[in-house]
Amino acid sequence: MMSTGSATDMPMVPYGSLGHGPLVWTAVEGGGRGVYNFKEIDIFVKKAPRISGVAQINLTLGLTPSWAVAKQSSCHKMAGGITGCTAPPENIQDWIDFVTELVNHYNGVTAPHVRYYEIWNEANTTPFWTGSVAQLAALGTAAYPILKQDPNSSVLTPSVTWQAATGPTFQSSYLTLAPADAVTFHAYTCRTGTKSSGMCAMPESSSSTNAPLQQMIQAFAAVANGLPLLATEGSWGVNGVTDPDLQQAWIAHYVILAASYAQTTNLAVLSWFEWGKPSVALSGNIEQSNGQPTAAGVSYGVVQNWLAEGMQPCSVSGTIWSCAVGANLIVWDASQTCSNGVCTTNPYPVTNYSQYSDVTGTIYPIQNGTVPLGIKPLLLQP
């Protein structure tokens, strides 16, 4: 899954589904009760990949439009001048009416069917939700049977962030109160922002300021209790990694690690947030100003081609990470680094492999029984 900062700037990297654009309730009905305008969301839906006529896109429904909230202290101006609020609606019928209109619009005739409906965005954080878990579960419970009138739809829990391990706790509480087809979370392993120093650790690192990616996946999978798991956002965050070589390594680790846990944790979707020109993208930008992928964007596509179903979780020995993919082996050395165009490596002895690929897709013969192993993964092949 790949999110984009603008529906007029679609990703130029491989992706199977489109992550959320604007938050749908405010985008569609922000102008007033019963005043529905699907134009902005329709652009995203109609450009999303389709399978059997179903748009492979995640529509994230909340914030609450300001007209539906009596006390405006939880409200703030959003892009386009619409005001969104973090409090629940005063009258749940307003929500029910909106969800009904939504699923009736994306009916395969007026507009394509939609694959994923995510009830709310980052619901364990006060910038997006200041109600209780029970109040949000009431919205989810009301929405579920309406959205499931379309058999093509999958209703997701509200997304959450790690937020000092409150994300799994929130989802556990929500799932005791409301139905869902899958559990969602945002896989930001580092706390970053506009003043970040660009020092986000690699996603598997114990130095991650939120949690390592593998810890997140396992924690949310335990809460999901067999339900599919979707990471509907994730990246190095805002200015989390600024060195281009380390960006190549980071995004490769992120994709490879997630793929290695897909089978054992029922991780069905991993999203990157987001594609977009540097002036538009909110975080994790992998598009150049000329519209082409950055080196990290190229790496994102290359490593996806390395992966295959049935991967088992990666293992680590010392600083060497290994991920078996059929007859191939992905390896990297977490002790190595890159800076200002120079990447350190150590000779890594290999047997039973004749060639290797790097994250640019370049193939090299293996000579003298070693490969130059660094922080950027290599794919060893027989």
Protein backbone atom coordinates (compact mmCIF):
# COMPACT_ATOMS: atom_id res chain seq x y z
CA MET A 1 0.00 0.00 0.00
CA MET A 2 1.25 3.48 -0.88
CA SER A 3 -0.25 6.78 0.19
CA THR A 4 0.12 9.90 -1.91
CA GLY A 5 0.05 13.56 -1.01
CA SER A 6 -2.09 14.41 -4.03
CA ALA A 7 -4.46 12.47 -6.26
CA THR A 8 -2.92 14.29 -9.25
CA ASP A 9 0.51 12.86 -8.38
CA MET A 10 0.17 9.09 -8.33
CA PRO A 11 3.07 6.93 -7.13
CA MET A 12 5.76 5.99 -9.65
CA VAL A 13 6.76 2.92 -7.62
CA PRO A 14 5.06 -0.50 -7.38
CA TYR A 15 1.99 -0.64 -5.11
CA GLY A 16 -1.03 -2.88 -4.86
CA SER A 17 -3.41 -0.56 -3.01
CA LEU A 18 -3.71 3.13 -2.20
CA GLY A 19 -3.49 4.45 1.33
CA HIS A 20 -5.80 7.05 2.71
CA GLY A 21 -5.96 10.58 1.37
CA PRO A 22 -8.06 13.25 3.11
CA LEU A 23 -10.16 12.16 6.09
CA VAL A 24 -13.46 11.30 4.51
CA TRP A 25 -16.23 12.59 6.79
CA THR A 26 -14.87 16.13 6.82
CA ALA A 27 -13.93 15.99 3.12
CA VAL A 28 -17.37 14.79 2.03
CA GLU A 29 -19.78 16.42 4.49
CA GLY A 30 -17.68 19.18 6.01
CA GLY A 31 -19.78 21.87 4.38
CA GLY A 32 -22.92 21.14 6.41
CA ARG A 33 -25.30 18.42 7.52
CA GLY A 34 -26.60 16.50 4.50
CA VAL A 35 -24.42 18.45 2.05
CA TYR A 36 -22.36 15.70 0.40
CA ASN A 37 -19.48 16.43 -1.95
CA PHE A 38 -17.58 13.33 -3.07
CA LYS A 39 -15.49 15.08 -5.72
CA GLU A 40 -12.17 15.08 -3.82
CA ILE A 41 -12.41 11.51 -2.55
CA ASP A 42 -13.70 10.21 -5.90
CA ILE A 43 -10.45 11.24 -7.57
CA PHE A 44 -8.46 9.02 -5.22
CA VAL A 45 -10.91 6.11 -5.51
CA LYS A 46 -11.08 6.18 -9.28
CA LYS A 47 -7.27 6.24 -9.60
CA ALA A 48 -6.68 3.38 -7.15
CA PRO A 49 -5.75 -0.07 -8.50
CA ARG A 50 -8.75 -2.36 -9.01
CA ILE A 51 -9.35 -6.05 -8.59
CA SER A 52 -12.62 -7.34 -10.09
CA GLY A 53 -13.94 -3.78 -10.17
CA VAL A 54 -13.14 -3.06 -6.50
CA ALA A 55 -10.92 -0.05 -5.82
CA GLN A 56 -8.00 -1.18 -3.68
CA ILE A 57 -7.97 1.84 -1.41
CA ASN A 58 -8.25 2.59 2.28
CA LEU A 59 -10.76 5.32 3.15
CA THR A 60 -10.21 6.68 6.66
CA LEU A 61 -13.42 8.22 7.91
CA GLY A 62 -12.82 10.48 10.94
CA LEU A 63 -12.46 13.53 12.03
CA THR A 64 -15.91 14.89 12.95
CA PRO A 65 -17.22 17.89 10.96
CA SER A 66 -17.59 20.96 13.15
CA TRP A 67 -21.32 21.26 12.49
CA ALA A 68 -21.84 17.91 14.26
CA VAL A 69 -20.11 19.05 17.48
CA ALA A 70 -21.68 21.48 19.96
CA LYS A 71 -18.48 22.48 21.79
CA GLN A 72 -15.92 23.73 19.30
CA SER A 73 -12.87 23.55 21.58
CA SER A 74 -11.81 20.25 19.94
CA CYS A 75 -12.04 21.69 16.42
CA HIS A 76 -9.35 23.08 14.14
CA LYS A 77 -9.03 24.30 10.58
CA MET A 78 -7.86 21.72 8.05
CA ALA A 79 -6.63 21.92 4.48
CA GLY A 80 -9.18 23.53 2.20
CA GLY A 81 -10.70 25.59 5.02
CA ILE A 82 -12.87 22.75 6.41
CA THR A 83 -13.01 22.48 10.21
CA GLY A 84 -12.55 19.04 11.75
CA CYS A 85 -13.06 18.03 15.38
CA THR A 86 -11.60 15.36 17.62
CA ALA A 87 -14.75 14.98 19.73
CA PRO A 88 -17.50 12.49 18.85
CA PRO A 89 -20.64 13.79 17.15
CA GLU A 90 -23.40 15.01 19.44
CA ASN A 91 -25.95 12.90 17.57
CA ILE A 92 -24.83 9.47 16.36
CA GLN A 93 -27.55 9.63 13.69
CA ASP A 94 -25.38 12.19 11.86
CA TRP A 95 -22.66 9.54 11.64
CA ILE A 96 -25.10 6.85 10.57
CA ASP A 97 -26.48 9.09 7.82
CA PHE A 98 -22.96 9.84 6.56
CA VAL A 99 -21.85 6.19 6.51
CA THR A 100 -25.06 5.20 4.72
CA GLU A 101 -24.50 7.86 2.07
CA LEU A 102 -20.87 6.75 1.74
CA VAL A 103 -21.54 3.08 1.05
CA ASN A 104 -24.45 3.93 -1.24
CA HIS A 105 -22.15 6.16 -3.28
CA TYR A 106 -19.34 3.61 -3.62
CA ASN A 107 -21.75 0.99 -4.96
CA GLY A 108 -19.98 -0.09 -8.14
CA VAL A 109 -22.30 2.00 -10.31
CA THR A 110 -22.11 5.61 -9.14
CA ALA A 111 -18.48 5.01 -8.19
CA PRO A 112 -16.29 1.90 -7.70
CA HIS A 113 -16.68 -0.39 -4.72
CA VAL A 114 -14.11 0.33 -1.99
CA ARG A 115 -11.94 -2.37 -0.41
CA TYR A 116 -11.11 -0.87 2.99
CA TYR A 117 -12.97 1.46 5.35
CA GLU A 118 -10.93 2.53 8.38
CA ILE A 119 -13.17 3.92 11.12
CA TRP A 120 -10.84 6.66 12.43
CA ASN A 121 -7.30 8.00 12.17
CA GLU A 122 -4.75 7.58 15.00
CA ALA A 123 -7.47 7.30 17.59
CA ASN A 124 -5.12 6.96 20.57
CA THR A 125 -3.71 10.45 19.96
CA THR A 126 -5.41 13.69 21.01
CA PRO A 127 -4.80 15.49 17.69
CA PHE A 128 -7.35 13.08 16.18
CA TRP A 129 -9.60 11.74 18.97
CA THR A 130 -10.48 13.12 22.40
CA GLY A 131 -13.50 10.93 23.10
CA SER A 132 -13.41 7.61 24.92
CA VAL A 133 -12.75 4.17 23.48
CA ALA A 134 -16.40 3.32 24.18
CA GLN A 135 -17.62 6.36 22.25
CA LEU A 136 -15.50 5.43 19.23
CA ALA A 137 -16.58 1.80 19.50
CA ALA A 138 -20.19 3.00 19.36
CA LEU A 139 -19.42 4.69 16.03
CA GLY A 140 -17.69 1.55 14.78
CA THR A 141 -20.57 -0.68 15.89
CA ALA A 142 -23.09 1.54 14.12
CA ALA A 143 -21.00 1.73 10.94
CA TYR A 144 -20.12 -1.95 10.61
CA PRO A 145 -23.45 -3.41 9.39
CA ILE A 146 -23.96 -0.46 7.05
CA LEU A 147 -20.56 -0.82 5.42
CA LYS A 148 -20.94 -4.60 5.24
CA GLN A 149 -23.99 -4.16 3.02
CA ASP A 150 -21.29 -4.04 0.36
CA PRO A 151 -19.79 -7.56 0.41
CA ASN A 152 -16.65 -6.20 -1.22
CA SER A 153 -15.78 -4.07 1.80
CA SER A 154 -13.53 -4.81 4.75
CA VAL A 155 -14.17 -2.72 7.87
CA LEU A 156 -11.00 -1.86 9.76
CA THR A 157 -10.56 -0.77 13.34
CA PRO A 158 -9.52 2.82 13.92
CA SER A 159 -5.82 3.14 13.26
CA VAL A 160 -3.52 3.79 16.21
CA THR A 161 0.11 4.74 16.72
CA TRP A 162 2.49 2.96 19.08
CA GLN A 163 2.38 5.93 21.54
CA ALA A 164 4.29 4.32 24.44
CA ALA A 165 2.51 0.99 23.86
CA THR A 166 -0.95 2.54 24.26
CA GLY A 167 -1.80 1.53 20.68
CA PRO A 168 -2.16 -2.21 21.36
CA THR A 169 -4.05 -1.47 24.59
CA PHE A 170 -6.47 0.80 22.75
CA GLN A 171 -7.11 -1.84 20.08
CA SER A 172 -7.67 -4.52 22.69
CA SER A 173 -10.32 -2.39 24.39
CA TYR A 174 -11.94 -1.41 21.09
CA LEU A 175 -12.24 -5.02 19.92
CA THR A 176 -14.12 -6.02 23.06
CA LEU A 177 -16.78 -3.43 22.18
CA ALA A 178 -17.02 -3.25 18.38
CA PRO A 179 -16.81 -5.62 15.39
CA ALA A 180 -14.05 -5.35 12.80
CA ASP A 181 -12.69 -7.40 9.91
CA ALA A 182 -9.06 -6.41 10.52
CA VAL A 183 -6.84 -4.49 12.93
CA THR A 184 -4.83 -1.45 11.82
CA PHE A 185 -1.85 0.43 13.17
CA HIS A 186 0.68 3.00 12.02
CA ALA A 187 4.20 1.61 11.89
CA TYR A 188 6.30 4.65 12.78
CA THR A 189 9.22 3.20 14.70
CA CYS A 190 10.66 6.62 15.55
CA ARG A 191 9.30 9.81 17.06
CA THR A 192 10.23 12.50 14.55
CA GLY A 193 9.11 15.99 13.63
CA THR A 194 10.04 19.21 11.88
CA LYS A 195 12.97 19.71 14.27
CA SER A 196 14.24 16.15 13.95
CA SER A 197 17.98 15.67 13.55
CA GLY A 198 17.55 12.97 10.92
CA MET A 199 18.79 10.25 13.26
CA CYS A 200 15.95 7.71 13.17
CA ALA A 201 17.44 4.29 13.85
CA MET A 202 16.89 1.43 11.39
CA PRO A 203 13.37 0.00 11.80
CA GLU A 204 14.59 -3.22 13.45
CA SER A 205 16.84 -1.40 15.93
CA SER A 206 16.38 -1.58 19.70
CA SER A 207 17.30 2.12 19.63
CA SER A 208 13.98 2.96 17.94
CA THR A 209 12.34 5.75 19.92
CA ASN A 210 8.88 4.19 19.56
CA ALA A 211 9.56 0.47 19.12
CA PRO A 212 11.30 -1.81 16.62
CA LEU A 213 9.06 -2.82 13.74
CA GLN A 214 9.11 -6.51 14.66
CA GLN A 215 7.99 -5.68 18.22
CA MET A 216 5.10 -3.59 16.90
CA ILE A 217 3.94 -6.31 14.52
CA GLN A 218 4.03 -8.99 17.19
CA ALA A 219 2.23 -6.82 19.77
CA PHE A 220 -0.60 -5.87 17.44
CA ALA A 221 -0.88 -9.43 16.12
CA ALA A 222 -1.38 -10.65 19.68
CA VAL A 223 -4.25 -8.20 20.11
CA ALA A 224 -5.73 -9.05 16.69
CA ASN A 225 -6.10 -12.67 17.81
CA GLY A 226 -6.14 -14.09 14.28
CA LEU A 227 -7.71 -11.15 12.47
CA PRO A 228 -5.69 -9.78 9.55
CA LEU A 229 -3.27 -7.02 10.50
CA LEU A 230 -2.78 -3.91 8.36
CA ALA A 231 -0.06 -1.31 8.83
CA THR A 232 -1.90 1.51 7.05
CA GLU A 233 0.84 4.11 7.52
CA GLY A 234 4.53 3.93 8.24
CA SER A 235 7.92 5.37 7.32
CA TRP A 236 10.94 7.01 8.92
CA GLY A 237 8.62 9.95 9.67
CA VAL A 238 9.24 13.67 9.33
CA ASN A 239 12.94 14.27 8.65
CA GLY A 240 13.70 10.98 10.39
CA VAL A 241 16.36 9.93 7.88
CA THR A 242 18.00 12.53 5.64
CA ASP A 243 21.06 10.74 4.23
CA PRO A 244 20.08 9.29 0.81
CA ASP A 245 22.08 6.08 1.29
CA LEU A 246 20.56 5.47 4.72
CA GLN A 247 17.13 6.14 3.25
CA GLN A 248 17.79 3.33 0.76
CA ALA A 249 18.76 1.02 3.59
CA TRP A 250 15.88 2.05 5.88
CA ILE A 251 13.08 1.50 3.40
CA ALA A 252 14.59 -1.83 2.34
CA HIS A 253 14.77 -3.05 5.96
CA TYR A 254 11.18 -1.88 6.54
CA VAL A 255 9.74 -3.80 3.59
CA ILE A 256 11.83 -6.94 4.11
CA LEU A 257 11.12 -7.22 7.84
CA ALA A 258 7.38 -6.75 7.39
CA ALA A 259 7.28 -9.34 4.61
CA SER A 260 9.14 -11.82 6.80
CA TYR A 261 6.40 -11.56 9.46
CA ALA A 262 3.47 -11.69 7.03
CA GLN A 263 2.79 -15.41 7.35
CA THR A 264 3.35 -15.87 11.08
CA THR A 265 1.36 -12.79 12.18
CA ASN A 266 -1.25 -12.52 9.39
CA LEU A 267 0.17 -9.14 8.36
CA ALA A 268 -1.80 -8.50 5.18
CA VAL A 269 -0.83 -4.92 4.28
CA LEU A 270 2.18 -2.67 4.78
CA SER A 271 1.78 0.96 3.75
CA TRP A 272 4.35 3.65 3.05
CA PHE A 273 3.43 7.20 4.00
CA GLU A 274 3.97 8.77 1.59
CA TRP A 275 4.61 9.45 -2.07
CA GLY A 276 4.64 13.14 -2.94
CA LYS A 277 6.87 15.98 -4.04
CA PRO A 278 8.97 17.44 -1.22
CA SER A 279 6.68 20.47 -0.93
CA VAL A 280 3.58 18.27 -0.55
CA ALA A 281 4.46 15.03 1.24
CA LEU A 282 3.93 15.03 4.99
CA SER A 283 6.56 12.41 5.86
CA GLY A 284 8.66 9.60 4.45
CA ASN A 285 8.95 11.37 1.10
CA ILE A 286 10.39 9.21 -1.71
CA GLU A 287 9.55 11.39 -4.74
CA GLN A 288 11.91 13.87 -6.34
CA SER A 289 10.71 17.29 -7.46
CA ASN A 290 10.80 16.03 -11.08
CA GLY A 291 8.22 13.34 -10.28
CA GLN A 292 10.64 10.38 -10.37
CA PRO A 293 11.44 8.15 -7.39
CA THR A 294 14.33 9.00 -5.12
CA ALA A 295 17.05 6.39 -4.67
CA ALA A 296 15.00 5.13 -1.71
CA GLY A 297 11.94 4.89 -3.95
CA VAL A 298 13.90 2.75 -6.39
CA SER A 299 15.07 0.56 -3.49
CA TYR A 300 11.43 0.16 -2.40
CA GLY A 301 10.55 -1.35 -5.77
CA VAL A 302 13.66 -3.51 -6.05
CA VAL A 303 13.29 -5.26 -2.70
CA GLN A 304 9.61 -6.00 -3.33
CA ASN A 305 10.76 -8.05 -6.31
CA TRP A 306 13.05 -10.02 -3.99
CA LEU A 307 10.24 -11.22 -1.78
CA ALA A 308 8.08 -14.31 -1.98
CA GLU A 309 5.19 -15.76 -0.05
CA GLY A 310 6.11 -18.08 2.76
CA MET A 311 9.07 -16.09 4.11
CA GLN A 312 9.81 -16.81 7.74
CA PRO A 313 10.82 -14.08 10.20
CA CYS A 314 14.33 -12.75 9.72
CA SER A 315 16.98 -13.78 12.22
CA VAL A 316 19.97 -11.91 13.64
CA SER A 317 23.37 -13.22 14.70
CA GLY A 318 25.50 -10.52 16.23
CA THR A 319 24.98 -7.65 13.81
CA ILE A 320 24.21 -9.79 10.75
CA TRP A 321 20.55 -10.04 9.74
CA SER A 322 19.49 -12.94 7.50
CA CYS A 323 16.16 -13.50 5.76
CA ALA A 324 15.61 -16.68 3.75
CA VAL A 325 13.51 -16.28 0.60
CA GLY A 326 13.20 -19.66 -1.06
CA ALA A 327 16.65 -20.60 -2.32
CA ASN A 328 17.86 -17.02 -1.88
CA LEU A 329 19.12 -15.20 1.19
CA ILE A 330 18.80 -11.50 2.09
CA VAL A 331 21.56 -10.24 4.40
CA TRP A 332 22.76 -6.95 5.89
CA ASP A 333 25.15 -5.83 8.61
CA ALA A 334 23.53 -3.50 11.14
CA SER A 335 26.92 -2.35 12.44
CA GLN A 336 27.74 -0.61 9.17
CA THR A 337 26.57 2.84 8.11
CA CYS A 338 26.63 5.49 5.38
CA SER A 339 27.48 9.17 5.40
CA ASN A 340 27.96 11.76 2.66
CA GLY A 341 27.97 9.21 -0.13
CA VAL A 342 30.34 6.73 1.54
CA CYS A 343 29.07 3.42 2.95
CA THR A 344 31.19 1.11 5.09
CA THR A 345 31.26 -2.64 4.45
CA ASN A 346 33.00 -5.77 5.68
CA PRO A 347 33.81 -8.91 3.65
CA TYR A 348 31.10 -11.47 4.39
CA PRO A 349 31.90 -15.11 3.59
CA VAL A 350 29.29 -17.00 1.59
CA THR A 351 28.96 -20.48 0.16
CA ASN A 352 26.46 -22.04 -2.24
CA TYR A 353 25.72 -18.68 -3.88
CA SER A 354 27.10 -17.50 -7.22
CA GLN A 355 25.76 -13.94 -7.50
CA TYR A 356 24.16 -11.14 -5.52
CA SER A 357 21.94 -8.13 -6.17
CA ASP A 358 22.01 -4.78 -4.38
CA VAL A 359 19.11 -2.39 -3.70
CA THR A 360 19.58 -0.68 -7.07
CA GLY A 361 18.83 -4.00 -8.80
CA THR A 362 22.39 -4.38 -10.08
CA ILE A 363 23.64 -8.01 -10.21
CA TYR A 364 27.24 -8.91 -9.39
CA PRO A 365 29.13 -12.22 -9.50
CA ILE A 366 30.45 -13.48 -6.17
CA GLN A 367 34.23 -13.67 -6.28
CA ASN A 368 36.65 -15.14 -3.76
CA GLY A 369 33.77 -16.43 -1.62
CA THR A 370 32.84 -13.07 -0.05
CA VAL A 371 30.51 -10.13 -0.63
CA PRO A 372 30.96 -6.54 0.63
CA LEU A 373 28.23 -6.44 3.28
CA GLY A 374 26.95 -3.16 4.65
CA ILE A 375 23.79 -1.58 6.01
CA LYS A 376 22.10 -1.89 2.61
CA PRO A 377 20.69 -5.40 2.11
CA LEU A 378 22.04 -7.78 -0.50
CA LEU A 379 20.15 -10.64 -2.14
CA LEU A 380 22.36 -13.74 -2.44
CA GLN A 381 21.36 -16.12 -5.23
CA PRO A 382 22.60 -19.63 -6.21
